Amino acid sequence: DGQLLIPRLKSFAQPPGSADQIEVRGAHSYLITGGLGALGRQAARWLADRGAEQIVLTSRRAPDEAARESLREIEAAGCQVVVHSADVGDRAHVGELFARFGTELLPLAGIIHAAGIVDDALWEDQSWDRFEKVLRPKALGAALLHEFTVDLPLDFFLLYSSASSVLGPPGQSNYAAANAYLDGLAAHRRSQGLPAISLNWGPWSEGMADDERIRKRLQLQGIT
């Protein structure tokens, strides 16, 4: 109607007690993709603190000493931690993993999809290979998790998206696209009556933004 409209972000006051809306059930397992990364380990501690009996962490690499120490701390609290080596963007790998739930592993009750990598470059230096590298674990991984759980009675399906899908930071066209897919998948699942939340995280001090150059760039945008 002849008006110029631009998007604005507004503060949202979280309702009291809303952090407790996710309940953790006994005799069930919880899956965290990218589970050996800093964000995955934080999520595992969060679930263990809420009484999770079994947590399954997927990763394409073996745990380093920092990860092993973190897992020992979680297990000391009485939670069993299972590390499953898998590429979450590979259908066969995901199929092998889900074949274990309800047999070798406890029945699955919830998912936190925290897998992801970055490969930043300005558009003129981007390529499909660089896009595919970033899309595979995050977007394709999420699509496969959705496909393999569409008939399971999950309590929650948490997708670790990023503020990049909202703000479109320079050099992150591939990463922004991957995270925008997660936002769309969450909307699709909810339209089907399935649980889903897509969290557009800002930078984590121990996550992929743990780089002085990246932190300074974000601070110029007012993001800390």
C-alpha atoms as a PDB file:
ATOM      1  CA  ASP A   1       0.000   0.000   0.000  1.00  0.00           C
ATOM      2  CA  GLY A   2       2.801   2.416  -0.814  1.00  0.00           C
ATOM      3  CA  GLN A   3       4.595   1.741   2.483  1.00  0.00           C
ATOM      4  CA  LEU A   4       8.196   0.643   2.835  1.00  0.00           C
ATOM      5  CA  LEU A   5       8.400  -2.210   5.357  1.00  0.00           C
ATOM      6  CA  ILE A   6      11.571  -3.493   7.011  1.00  0.00           C
ATOM      7  CA  PRO A   7      11.992  -6.305   9.558  1.00  0.00           C
ATOM      8  CA  ARG A   8      12.707  -5.467  13.177  1.00  0.00           C
ATOM      9  CA  LEU A   9      13.772  -7.718  16.028  1.00  0.00           C
ATOM     10  CA  LYS A  10      12.062  -7.184  19.370  1.00  0.00           C
ATOM     11  CA  SER A  11      12.901  -8.472  22.823  1.00  0.00           C
ATOM     12  CA  PHE A  12      10.748 -11.349  23.965  1.00  0.00           C
ATOM     13  CA  ALA A  13      10.104 -11.925  27.653  1.00  0.00           C
ATOM     14  CA  GLN A  14      10.259 -15.650  28.316  1.00  0.00           C
ATOM     15  CA  PRO A  15       7.261 -16.748  30.399  1.00  0.00           C
ATOM     16  CA  PRO A  16       8.214 -17.914  33.929  1.00  0.00           C
ATOM     17  CA  GLY A  17       8.823 -21.642  34.062  1.00  0.00           C
ATOM     18  CA  SER A  18       8.905 -22.094  30.278  1.00  0.00           C
ATOM     19  CA  ALA A  19      12.385 -23.623  30.479  1.00  0.00           C
ATOM     20  CA  ASP A  20      10.816 -26.512  32.390  1.00  0.00           C
ATOM     21  CA  GLN A  21       8.295 -27.357  29.674  1.00  0.00           C
ATOM     22  CA  ILE A  22      10.609 -30.005  28.246  1.00  0.00           C
ATOM     23  CA  GLU A  23      10.339 -33.059  30.461  1.00  0.00           C
ATOM     24  CA  VAL A  24      12.844 -35.892  30.483  1.00  0.00           C
ATOM     25  CA  ARG A  25      11.463 -39.411  30.836  1.00  0.00           C
ATOM     26  CA  GLY A  26      13.146 -42.376  32.466  1.00  0.00           C
ATOM     27  CA  ALA A  27      13.747 -45.622  30.555  1.00  0.00           C
ATOM     28  CA  HIS A  28      14.211 -43.644  27.333  1.00  0.00           C
ATOM     29  CA  SER A  29      17.143 -42.321  25.332  1.00  0.00           C
ATOM     30  CA  TYR A  30      17.856 -38.884  23.913  1.00  0.00           C
ATOM     31  CA  LEU A  31      19.801 -38.259  20.711  1.00  0.00           C
ATOM     32  CA  ILE A  32      22.192 -35.347  20.181  1.00  0.00           C
ATOM     33  CA  THR A  33      23.781 -34.986  16.744  1.00  0.00           C
ATOM     34  CA  GLY A  34      27.123 -33.218  16.677  1.00  0.00           C
ATOM     35  CA  GLY A  35      27.225 -34.524  20.204  1.00  0.00           C
ATOM     36  CA  LEU A  36      30.970 -34.261  20.750  1.00  0.00           C
ATOM     37  CA  GLY A  37      31.142 -30.572  19.850  1.00  0.00           C
ATOM     38  CA  ALA A  38      30.975 -27.830  22.477  1.00  0.00           C
ATOM     39  CA  LEU A  39      27.238 -27.238  21.934  1.00  0.00           C
ATOM     40  CA  GLY A  40      26.462 -30.949  21.914  1.00  0.00           C
ATOM     41  CA  ARG A  41      28.280 -31.517  25.190  1.00  0.00           C
ATOM     42  CA  GLN A  42      26.446 -28.591  26.783  1.00  0.00           C
ATOM     43  CA  ALA A  43      23.136 -30.078  25.644  1.00  0.00           C
ATOM     44  CA  ALA A  44      24.127 -33.471  27.070  1.00  0.00           C
ATOM     45  CA  ARG A  45      24.844 -31.909  30.467  1.00  0.00           C
ATOM     46  CA  TRP A  46      21.502 -30.090  30.296  1.00  0.00           C
ATOM     47  CA  LEU A  47      19.633 -33.352  29.677  1.00  0.00           C
ATOM     48  CA  ALA A  48      21.619 -35.245  32.314  1.00  0.00           C
ATOM     49  CA  ASP A  49      20.823 -32.558  34.896  1.00  0.00           C
ATOM     50  CA  ARG A  50      17.142 -33.158  34.165  1.00  0.00           C
ATOM     51  CA  GLY A  51      17.427 -36.869  34.817  1.00  0.00           C
ATOM     52  CA  ALA A  52      18.097 -38.384  31.389  1.00  0.00           C
ATOM     53  CA  GLU A  53      18.907 -42.060  31.756  1.00  0.00           C
ATOM     54  CA  GLN A  54      20.674 -42.539  28.415  1.00  0.00           C
ATOM     55  CA  ILE A  55      22.114 -39.998  25.968  1.00  0.00           C
ATOM     56  CA  VAL A  56      23.296 -40.981  22.490  1.00  0.00           C
ATOM     57  CA  LEU A  57      25.849 -38.696  20.870  1.00  0.00           C
ATOM     58  CA  THR A  58      26.645 -38.901  17.175  1.00  0.00           C
ATOM     59  CA  SER A  59      29.847 -37.609  15.649  1.00  0.00           C
ATOM     60  CA  ARG A  60      31.993 -38.237  12.587  1.00  0.00           C
ATOM     61  CA  ARG A  61      35.133 -38.163  14.709  1.00  0.00           C
ATOM     62  CA  ALA A  62      36.330 -39.891  17.859  1.00  0.00           C
ATOM     63  CA  PRO A  63      36.165 -37.939  21.140  1.00  0.00           C
ATOM     64  CA  ASP A  64      39.271 -35.968  22.065  1.00  0.00           C
ATOM     65  CA  GLU A  65      40.489 -35.665  25.655  1.00  0.00           C
ATOM     66  CA  ALA A  66      38.315 -32.616  26.384  1.00  0.00           C
ATOM     67  CA  ALA A  67      35.253 -34.484  25.144  1.00  0.00           C
ATOM     68  CA  ARG A  68      36.142 -37.639  27.085  1.00  0.00           C
ATOM     69  CA  GLU A  69      36.510 -35.630  30.293  1.00  0.00           C
ATOM     70  CA  SER A  70      33.133 -34.003  29.705  1.00  0.00           C
ATOM     71  CA  LEU A  71      31.499 -37.387  29.086  1.00  0.00           C
ATOM     72  CA  ARG A  72      33.031 -38.817  32.258  1.00  0.00           C
ATOM     73  CA  GLU A  73      31.495 -35.955  34.247  1.00  0.00           C
ATOM     74  CA  ILE A  74      28.082 -36.647  32.749  1.00  0.00           C
ATOM     75  CA  GLU A  75      28.306 -40.376  33.453  1.00  0.00           C
ATOM     76  CA  ALA A  76      29.423 -39.676  37.019  1.00  0.00           C
ATOM     77  CA  ALA A  77      26.019 -38.065  37.518  1.00  0.00           C
ATOM     78  CA  GLY A  78      24.374 -41.411  36.708  1.00  0.00           C
ATOM     79  CA  CYS A  79      23.569 -40.957  33.018  1.00  0.00           C
ATOM     80  CA  GLN A  80      24.769 -43.496  30.463  1.00  0.00           C
ATOM     81  CA  VAL A  81      26.450 -41.892  27.460  1.00  0.00           C
ATOM     82  CA  VAL A  82      26.688 -43.785  24.159  1.00  0.00           C
ATOM     83  CA  VAL A  83      28.894 -42.401  21.379  1.00  0.00           C
ATOM     84  CA  HIS A  84      27.784 -43.560  17.937  1.00  0.00           C
ATOM     85  CA  SER A  85      30.092 -42.831  15.008  1.00  0.00           C
ATOM     86  CA  ALA A  86      27.969 -41.615  12.094  1.00  0.00           C
ATOM     87  CA  ASP A  87      27.608 -39.042   9.358  1.00  0.00           C
ATOM     88  CA  VAL A  88      24.126 -37.707  10.065  1.00  0.00           C
ATOM     89  CA  GLY A  89      23.897 -36.589   6.429  1.00  0.00           C
ATOM     90  CA  ASP A  90      24.271 -40.195   5.229  1.00  0.00           C
ATOM     91  CA  ARG A  91      21.005 -42.158   4.917  1.00  0.00           C
ATOM     92  CA  ALA A  92      22.663 -45.532   5.568  1.00  0.00           C
ATOM     93  CA  HIS A  93      24.400 -44.220   8.697  1.00  0.00           C
ATOM     94  CA  VAL A  94      21.162 -42.751  10.058  1.00  0.00           C
ATOM     95  CA  GLY A  95      19.321 -45.984   9.294  1.00  0.00           C
ATOM     96  CA  GLU A  96      21.913 -48.016  11.199  1.00  0.00           C
ATOM     97  CA  LEU A  97      21.592 -45.669  14.159  1.00  0.00           C
ATOM     98  CA  PHE A  98      17.803 -45.815  14.337  1.00  0.00           C
ATOM     99  CA  ALA A  99      17.861 -49.601  14.088  1.00  0.00           C
ATOM    100  CA  ARG A 100      19.537 -49.582  17.518  1.00  0.00           C
ATOM    101  CA  PHE A 101      16.771 -47.679  19.324  1.00  0.00           C
ATOM    102  CA  GLY A 102      14.445 -50.045  21.151  1.00  0.00           C
ATOM    103  CA  THR A 103      16.917 -52.930  20.761  1.00  0.00           C
ATOM    104  CA  GLU A 104      20.493 -52.155  21.860  1.00  0.00           C
ATOM    105  CA  LEU A 105      19.434 -48.694  23.031  1.00  0.00           C
ATOM    106  CA  LEU A 106      16.450 -47.467  25.001  1.00  0.00           C
ATOM    107  CA  PRO A 107      13.456 -46.192  23.016  1.00  0.00           C
ATOM    108  CA  LEU A 108      14.023 -42.690  21.643  1.00  0.00           C
ATOM    109  CA  ALA A 109      12.110 -39.844  23.296  1.00  0.00           C
ATOM    110  CA  GLY A 110      13.769 -36.672  22.014  1.00  0.00           C
ATOM    111  CA  ILE A 111      16.302 -35.204  19.579  1.00  0.00           C
ATOM    112  CA  ILE A 112      18.637 -32.220  19.679  1.00  0.00           C
ATOM    113  CA  HIS A 113      20.114 -31.648  16.219  1.00  0.00           C
ATOM    114  CA  ALA A 114      23.329 -29.697  16.883  1.00  0.00           C
ATOM    115  CA  ALA A 115      25.465 -30.960  13.981  1.00  0.00           C
ATOM    116  CA  GLY A 116      26.927 -28.317  11.708  1.00  0.00           C
ATOM    117  CA  ILE A 117      30.041 -26.810  10.191  1.00  0.00           C
ATOM    118  CA  VAL A 118      30.936 -23.509   8.548  1.00  0.00           C
ATOM    119  CA  ASP A 119      32.835 -22.787   5.340  1.00  0.00           C
ATOM    120  CA  ASP A 120      32.617 -19.019   4.962  1.00  0.00           C
ATOM    121  CA  ALA A 121      33.354 -17.140   1.769  1.00  0.00           C
ATOM    122  CA  LEU A 122      31.950 -14.179  -0.113  1.00  0.00           C
ATOM    123  CA  TRP A 123      29.572 -15.094  -2.916  1.00  0.00           C
ATOM    124  CA  GLU A 124      32.135 -14.790  -5.714  1.00  0.00           C
ATOM    125  CA  ASP A 125      34.305 -17.381  -3.933  1.00  0.00           C
ATOM    126  CA  GLN A 126      31.469 -19.763  -3.076  1.00  0.00           C
ATOM    127  CA  SER A 127      30.922 -23.035  -4.933  1.00  0.00           C
ATOM    128  CA  TRP A 128      28.427 -25.857  -4.863  1.00  0.00           C
ATOM    129  CA  ASP A 129      31.024 -28.044  -3.118  1.00  0.00           C
ATOM    130  CA  ARG A 130      31.261 -25.504  -0.308  1.00  0.00           C
ATOM    131  CA  PHE A 131      27.462 -25.279  -0.108  1.00  0.00           C
ATOM    132  CA  GLU A 132      27.093 -29.060  -0.038  1.00  0.00           C
ATOM    133  CA  LYS A 133      29.729 -29.339   2.696  1.00  0.00           C
ATOM    134  CA  VAL A 134      27.677 -27.059   4.966  1.00  0.00           C
ATOM    135  CA  LEU A 135      24.206 -28.248   3.920  1.00  0.00           C
ATOM    136  CA  ARG A 136      24.972 -31.953   4.391  1.00  0.00           C
ATOM    137  CA  PRO A 137      25.210 -32.263   8.190  1.00  0.00           C
ATOM    138  CA  LYS A 138      22.724 -29.528   9.053  1.00  0.00           C
ATOM    139  CA  ALA A 139      19.985 -29.518   6.395  1.00  0.00           C
ATOM    140  CA  LEU A 140      20.200 -33.040   4.974  1.00  0.00           C
ATOM    141  CA  GLY A 141      20.833 -34.381   8.474  1.00  0.00           C
ATOM    142  CA  ALA A 142      17.665 -32.683   9.739  1.00  0.00           C
ATOM    143  CA  ALA A 143      15.656 -34.013   6.787  1.00  0.00           C
ATOM    144  CA  LEU A 144      16.776 -37.572   7.548  1.00  0.00           C
ATOM    145  CA  LEU A 145      16.029 -37.205  11.270  1.00  0.00           C
ATOM    146  CA  HIS A 146      12.539 -36.015  10.352  1.00  0.00           C
ATOM    147  CA  GLU A 147      12.040 -38.906   7.952  1.00  0.00           C
ATOM    148  CA  PHE A 148      13.152 -41.567  10.439  1.00  0.00           C
ATOM    149  CA  THR A 149      11.087 -40.171  13.341  1.00  0.00           C
ATOM    150  CA  VAL A 150       7.897 -39.014  11.634  1.00  0.00           C
ATOM    151  CA  ASP A 151       5.999 -41.967  13.165  1.00  0.00           C
ATOM    152  CA  LEU A 152       7.743 -41.967  16.565  1.00  0.00           C
ATOM    153  CA  PRO A 153       6.083 -40.434  19.658  1.00  0.00           C
ATOM    154  CA  LEU A 154       8.861 -37.926  20.382  1.00  0.00           C
ATOM    155  CA  ASP A 155       8.508 -35.415  23.208  1.00  0.00           C
ATOM    156  CA  PHE A 156      10.709 -32.856  21.472  1.00  0.00           C
ATOM    157  CA  PHE A 157      12.618 -32.255  18.239  1.00  0.00           C
ATOM    158  CA  LEU A 158      15.046 -29.362  18.812  1.00  0.00           C
ATOM    159  CA  LEU A 159      16.905 -27.912  15.844  1.00  0.00           C
ATOM    160  CA  TYR A 160      19.995 -25.786  16.515  1.00  0.00           C
ATOM    161  CA  SER A 161      19.538 -23.086  13.909  1.00  0.00           C
ATOM    162  CA  SER A 162      21.357 -19.765  13.848  1.00  0.00           C
ATOM    163  CA  ALA A 163      20.743 -16.033  13.798  1.00  0.00           C
ATOM    164  CA  SER A 164      22.449 -16.197  10.392  1.00  0.00           C
ATOM    165  CA  SER A 165      19.170 -17.357   8.823  1.00  0.00           C
ATOM    166  CA  VAL A 166      17.526 -14.148  10.093  1.00  0.00           C
ATOM    167  CA  LEU A 167      20.353 -11.623   9.692  1.00  0.00           C
ATOM    168  CA  GLY A 168      22.222 -12.978   6.651  1.00  0.00           C
ATOM    169  CA  PRO A 169      25.811 -12.213   7.756  1.00  0.00           C
ATOM    170  CA  PRO A 170      28.440 -11.504   5.055  1.00  0.00           C
ATOM    171  CA  GLY A 171      30.254 -14.585   3.801  1.00  0.00           C
ATOM    172  CA  GLN A 172      27.718 -17.065   5.209  1.00  0.00           C
ATOM    173  CA  SER A 173      25.289 -17.605   2.341  1.00  0.00           C
ATOM    174  CA  ASN A 174      25.687 -21.387   2.616  1.00  0.00           C
ATOM    175  CA  TYR A 175      25.391 -21.418   6.422  1.00  0.00           C
ATOM    176  CA  ALA A 176      22.383 -19.060   6.363  1.00  0.00           C
ATOM    177  CA  ALA A 177      20.665 -21.285   3.789  1.00  0.00           C
ATOM    178  CA  ALA A 178      21.284 -24.427   5.864  1.00  0.00           C
ATOM    179  CA  ASN A 179      19.829 -22.824   8.976  1.00  0.00           C
ATOM    180  CA  ALA A 180      16.866 -21.352   7.094  1.00  0.00           C
ATOM    181  CA  TYR A 181      16.061 -24.929   6.073  1.00  0.00           C
ATOM    182  CA  LEU A 182      15.891 -25.901   9.754  1.00  0.00           C
ATOM    183  CA  ASP A 183      13.466 -23.044  10.419  1.00  0.00           C
ATOM    184  CA  GLY A 184      11.287 -24.204   7.532  1.00  0.00           C
ATOM    185  CA  LEU A 185      11.414 -27.835   8.638  1.00  0.00           C
ATOM    186  CA  ALA A 186      10.284 -26.865  12.136  1.00  0.00           C
ATOM    187  CA  ALA A 187       7.327 -24.951  10.659  1.00  0.00           C
ATOM    188  CA  HIS A 188       6.479 -27.944   8.450  1.00  0.00           C
ATOM    189  CA  ARG A 189       6.574 -30.408  11.351  1.00  0.00           C
ATOM    190  CA  ARG A 190       4.381 -28.206  13.518  1.00  0.00           C
ATOM    191  CA  SER A 191       1.871 -27.889  10.674  1.00  0.00           C
ATOM    192  CA  GLN A 192       1.708 -31.701  10.712  1.00  0.00           C
ATOM    193  CA  GLY A 193       1.094 -31.804  14.474  1.00  0.00           C
ATOM    194  CA  LEU A 194       4.652 -32.972  15.192  1.00  0.00           C
ATOM    195  CA  PRO A 195       6.901 -31.451  17.860  1.00  0.00           C
ATOM    196  CA  ALA A 196       9.605 -29.068  16.621  1.00  0.00           C
ATOM    197  CA  ILE A 197      11.466 -25.989  17.800  1.00  0.00           C
ATOM    198  CA  SER A 198      14.108 -24.190  15.755  1.00  0.00           C
ATOM    199  CA  LEU A 199      16.437 -22.099  17.946  1.00  0.00           C
ATOM    200  CA  ASN A 200      18.146 -19.229  16.131  1.00  0.00           C
ATOM    201  CA  TRP A 201      21.200 -19.121  18.379  1.00  0.00           C
ATOM    202  CA  GLY A 202      23.523 -16.181  18.467  1.00  0.00           C
ATOM    203  CA  PRO A 203      27.248 -16.837  19.034  1.00  0.00           C
ATOM    204  CA  TRP A 204      28.304 -19.268  21.765  1.00  0.00           C
ATOM    205  CA  SER A 205      31.579 -18.413  23.481  1.00  0.00           C
ATOM    206  CA  GLU A 206      32.630 -22.067  23.156  1.00  0.00           C
ATOM    207  CA  GLY A 207      30.997 -22.722  19.803  1.00  0.00           C
ATOM    208  CA  MET A 208      31.889 -21.992  16.176  1.00  0.00           C
ATOM    209  CA  ALA A 209      32.095 -18.260  16.973  1.00  0.00           C
ATOM    210  CA  ASP A 210      34.990 -18.904  19.366  1.00  0.00           C
ATOM    211  CA  ASP A 211      37.320 -16.856  17.187  1.00  0.00           C
ATOM    212  CA  GLU A 212      38.484 -13.303  17.908  1.00  0.00           C
ATOM    213  CA  ARG A 213      37.983 -12.182  14.303  1.00  0.00           C
ATOM    214  CA  ILE A 214      34.419 -13.487  14.235  1.00  0.00           C
ATOM    215  CA  ARG A 215      33.624 -11.997  17.642  1.00  0.00           C
ATOM    216  CA  LYS A 216      34.811  -8.549  16.566  1.00  0.00           C
ATOM    217  CA  ARG A 217      32.731  -8.695  13.385  1.00  0.00           C
ATOM    218  CA  LEU A 218      29.651  -9.663  15.359  1.00  0.00           C
ATOM    219  CA  GLN A 219      30.238  -6.934  17.936  1.00  0.00           C
ATOM    220  CA  LEU A 220      30.178  -4.358  15.145  1.00  0.00           C
ATOM    221  CA  GLN A 221      26.646  -5.582  14.435  1.00  0.00           C
ATOM    222  CA  GLY A 222      25.690  -5.260  18.090  1.00  0.00           C
ATOM    223  CA  ILE A 223      25.776  -9.014  18.721  1.00  0.00           C
ATOM    224  CA  THR A 224      27.640 -10.351  21.758  1.00  0.00           C
END
